[in-house]
């Protein structure tokens, strides 16, 4: 099993940027991929991005534009999500996950609030 702790986010002004971090512990050697989802108030959880832990190949949700960049530091067991040019519609709780085989482990989530 993998334990995940997110950090970053908070209150950001429109047009600003933020970097979210997700630190993994536990069975990190067994992780296949990590990624991010977000959930805005009153909306369903939405896929943001994912990264293959070994190859570094990245995947982005269909509705995500070039403002989102996912990366990882294998040595630190940490994944990042850089978001630039933030807009109020990016306001959401951002959750990181780790995939081991078919199982997903989730973090508690970190709130990003974009003020207009």
C-alpha atoms as a PDB file:
ATOM      1  CA  UNK A   1       0.000   0.000   0.000  1.00  0.00           C
ATOM      2  CA  UNK A   2       1.072   3.570  -0.637  1.00  0.00           C
ATOM      3  CA  UNK A   3       0.444   6.610   1.533  1.00  0.00           C
ATOM      4  CA  UNK A   4       0.133   9.975  -0.185  1.00  0.00           C
ATOM      5  CA  UNK A   5       0.379  13.496   1.198  1.00  0.00           C
ATOM      6  CA  UNK A   6      -0.411  16.507  -0.959  1.00  0.00           C
ATOM      7  CA  UNK A   7       0.763  20.058  -0.390  1.00  0.00           C
ATOM      8  CA  UNK A   8       0.674  23.362  -2.205  1.00  0.00           C
ATOM      9  CA  UNK A   9      -2.366  25.180  -3.501  1.00  0.00           C
ATOM     10  CA  UNK A  10      -4.171  27.670  -1.307  1.00  0.00           C
ATOM     11  CA  UNK A  11      -5.517  31.012  -2.477  1.00  0.00           C
ATOM     12  CA  UNK A  12      -4.127  32.244  -5.781  1.00  0.00           C
ATOM     13  CA  UNK A  13      -5.058  35.238  -7.904  1.00  0.00           C
ATOM     14  CA  UNK A  14      -6.339  34.882 -11.437  1.00  0.00           C
ATOM     15  CA  UNK A  15      -3.424  34.661 -13.811  1.00  0.00           C
ATOM     16  CA  UNK A  16      -1.096  33.346 -11.139  1.00  0.00           C
ATOM     17  CA  UNK A  17       0.482  29.939 -10.909  1.00  0.00           C
ATOM     18  CA  UNK A  18       0.832  27.210  -8.348  1.00  0.00           C
ATOM     19  CA  UNK A  19       2.724  23.979  -7.870  1.00  0.00           C
ATOM     20  CA  UNK A  20       1.159  21.064  -6.089  1.00  0.00           C
ATOM     21  CA  UNK A  21       3.251  18.294  -4.579  1.00  0.00           C
ATOM     22  CA  UNK A  22       2.382  14.733  -3.665  1.00  0.00           C
ATOM     23  CA  UNK A  23       4.816  12.729  -1.573  1.00  0.00           C
ATOM     24  CA  UNK A  24       4.484   8.955  -1.583  1.00  0.00           C
ATOM     25  CA  UNK A  25       5.620   6.530   1.087  1.00  0.00           C
ATOM     26  CA  UNK A  26       5.206   2.811   1.622  1.00  0.00           C
ATOM     27  CA  UNK A  27       5.359   0.420  -1.342  1.00  0.00           C
ATOM     28  CA  UNK A  28       6.627   3.070  -3.729  1.00  0.00           C
ATOM     29  CA  UNK A  29       8.778   0.588  -5.635  1.00  0.00           C
ATOM     30  CA  UNK A  30       5.574  -1.079  -6.806  1.00  0.00           C
ATOM     31  CA  UNK A  31       3.975   2.078  -8.188  1.00  0.00           C
ATOM     32  CA  UNK A  32       3.081   1.931 -11.864  1.00  0.00           C
ATOM     33  CA  UNK A  33       1.855   5.481 -12.215  1.00  0.00           C
ATOM     34  CA  UNK A  34       0.765   8.533 -10.268  1.00  0.00           C
ATOM     35  CA  UNK A  35      -1.624  11.255 -11.211  1.00  0.00           C
ATOM     36  CA  UNK A  36      -4.035  14.000 -10.296  1.00  0.00           C
ATOM     37  CA  UNK A  37      -7.772  14.428 -10.308  1.00  0.00           C
ATOM     38  CA  UNK A  38      -9.686  17.499  -9.261  1.00  0.00           C
ATOM     39  CA  UNK A  39     -13.197  18.101  -8.020  1.00  0.00           C
ATOM     40  CA  UNK A  40     -14.853  21.478  -8.204  1.00  0.00           C
ATOM     41  CA  UNK A  41     -17.867  22.350  -6.030  1.00  0.00           C
ATOM     42  CA  UNK A  42     -20.978  20.636  -7.328  1.00  0.00           C
ATOM     43  CA  UNK A  43     -19.097  18.809 -10.086  1.00  0.00           C
ATOM     44  CA  UNK A  44     -17.818  15.314 -10.665  1.00  0.00           C
ATOM     45  CA  UNK A  45     -14.193  14.400 -10.120  1.00  0.00           C
ATOM     46  CA  UNK A  46     -12.202  15.188 -13.256  1.00  0.00           C
ATOM     47  CA  UNK A  47      -8.991  13.604 -14.526  1.00  0.00           C
ATOM     48  CA  UNK A  48      -6.167  16.131 -14.765  1.00  0.00           C
ATOM     49  CA  UNK A  49      -2.942  14.292 -15.549  1.00  0.00           C
ATOM     50  CA  UNK A  50      -0.917  11.157 -14.935  1.00  0.00           C
ATOM     51  CA  UNK A  51       2.698  10.084 -15.239  1.00  0.00           C
ATOM     52  CA  UNK A  52       4.253   6.657 -15.648  1.00  0.00           C
ATOM     53  CA  UNK A  53       6.542   6.273 -12.685  1.00  0.00           C
ATOM     54  CA  UNK A  54       9.318   4.463 -14.551  1.00  0.00           C
ATOM     55  CA  UNK A  55       9.244   5.947 -18.033  1.00  0.00           C
ATOM     56  CA  UNK A  56       8.039   9.423 -17.168  1.00  0.00           C
ATOM     57  CA  UNK A  57       5.472   9.343 -19.970  1.00  0.00           C
ATOM     58  CA  UNK A  58       2.728  11.834 -19.286  1.00  0.00           C
ATOM     59  CA  UNK A  59      -0.988  11.892 -19.974  1.00  0.00           C
ATOM     60  CA  UNK A  60      -3.414  14.778 -19.685  1.00  0.00           C
ATOM     61  CA  UNK A  61      -7.174  14.980 -19.460  1.00  0.00           C
ATOM     62  CA  UNK A  62      -9.002  15.974 -22.611  1.00  0.00           C
ATOM     63  CA  UNK A  63     -10.146  19.235 -21.070  1.00  0.00           C
ATOM     64  CA  UNK A  64      -6.706  20.150 -19.750  1.00  0.00           C
ATOM     65  CA  UNK A  65      -4.830  22.655 -21.838  1.00  0.00           C
ATOM     66  CA  UNK A  66      -1.151  23.489 -21.920  1.00  0.00           C
ATOM     67  CA  UNK A  67      -1.332  25.256 -18.558  1.00  0.00           C
ATOM     68  CA  UNK A  68      -0.860  21.964 -16.706  1.00  0.00           C
ATOM     69  CA  UNK A  69       2.481  20.188 -16.372  1.00  0.00           C
ATOM     70  CA  UNK A  70       2.979  16.982 -14.433  1.00  0.00           C
ATOM     71  CA  UNK A  71       6.412  15.775 -13.376  1.00  0.00           C
ATOM     72  CA  UNK A  72       8.038  13.510 -10.840  1.00  0.00           C
ATOM     73  CA  UNK A  73      11.206  13.096  -8.800  1.00  0.00           C
ATOM     74  CA  UNK A  74      11.774   9.386  -8.386  1.00  0.00           C
ATOM     75  CA  UNK A  75      14.523   9.833  -5.822  1.00  0.00           C
ATOM     76  CA  UNK A  76      12.206  11.863  -3.595  1.00  0.00           C
ATOM     77  CA  UNK A  77       9.073   9.783  -4.377  1.00  0.00           C
ATOM     78  CA  UNK A  78       7.378  13.043  -5.190  1.00  0.00           C
ATOM     79  CA  UNK A  79       5.063  14.054  -7.987  1.00  0.00           C
ATOM     80  CA  UNK A  80       4.294  17.624  -8.975  1.00  0.00           C
ATOM     81  CA  UNK A  81       1.565  19.455 -10.830  1.00  0.00           C
ATOM     82  CA  UNK A  82       2.452  22.906 -12.114  1.00  0.00           C
ATOM     83  CA  UNK A  83      -0.521  25.014 -13.155  1.00  0.00           C
ATOM     84  CA  UNK A  84      -0.029  28.396 -14.790  1.00  0.00           C
ATOM     85  CA  UNK A  85      -2.356  31.227 -15.766  1.00  0.00           C
ATOM     86  CA  UNK A  86      -4.922  30.108 -13.219  1.00  0.00           C
ATOM     87  CA  UNK A  87      -8.578  30.942 -13.752  1.00  0.00           C
ATOM     88  CA  UNK A  88     -11.523  30.843 -11.329  1.00  0.00           C
ATOM     89  CA  UNK A  89     -12.754  27.639 -12.996  1.00  0.00           C
ATOM     90  CA  UNK A  90      -9.591  25.918 -11.771  1.00  0.00           C
ATOM     91  CA  UNK A  91     -10.901  26.251  -8.221  1.00  0.00           C
ATOM     92  CA  UNK A  92     -11.192  22.712  -6.897  1.00  0.00           C
ATOM     93  CA  UNK A  93      -9.820  20.166  -4.492  1.00  0.00           C
ATOM     94  CA  UNK A  94      -6.908  18.451  -6.201  1.00  0.00           C
ATOM     95  CA  UNK A  95      -6.323  14.810  -5.322  1.00  0.00           C
ATOM     96  CA  UNK A  96      -3.263  12.776  -6.111  1.00  0.00           C
ATOM     97  CA  UNK A  97      -3.336   9.033  -6.588  1.00  0.00           C
ATOM     98  CA  UNK A  98      -0.895   6.196  -7.050  1.00  0.00           C
ATOM     99  CA  UNK A  99      -1.598   3.055  -9.026  1.00  0.00           C
ATOM    100  CA  UNK A 100      -0.212  -0.328  -8.023  1.00  0.00           C
ATOM    101  CA  UNK A 101      -1.512  -2.969 -10.427  1.00  0.00           C
ATOM    102  CA  UNK A 102      -5.241  -2.319 -10.553  1.00  0.00           C
ATOM    103  CA  UNK A 103      -5.462  -0.629  -7.162  1.00  0.00           C
ATOM    104  CA  UNK A 104      -5.459   3.105  -6.542  1.00  0.00           C
ATOM    105  CA  UNK A 105      -4.362   4.832  -3.363  1.00  0.00           C
ATOM    106  CA  UNK A 106      -5.561   8.393  -2.787  1.00  0.00           C
ATOM    107  CA  UNK A 107      -4.309  11.404  -0.938  1.00  0.00           C
ATOM    108  CA  UNK A 108      -6.513  13.612   1.225  1.00  0.00           C
ATOM    109  CA  UNK A 109      -6.658  16.390  -1.344  1.00  0.00           C
ATOM    110  CA  UNK A 110      -5.437  19.962  -1.380  1.00  0.00           C
ATOM    111  CA  UNK A 111      -7.637  22.976  -2.024  1.00  0.00           C
ATOM    112  CA  UNK A 112      -6.833  25.428  -4.784  1.00  0.00           C
ATOM    113  CA  UNK A 113      -8.936  28.582  -4.784  1.00  0.00           C
ATOM    114  CA  UNK A 114      -8.501  31.102  -7.575  1.00  0.00           C
ATOM    115  CA  UNK A 115      -9.777  34.571  -6.818  1.00  0.00           C
ATOM    116  CA  UNK A 116     -11.128  36.719  -9.617  1.00  0.00           C
END
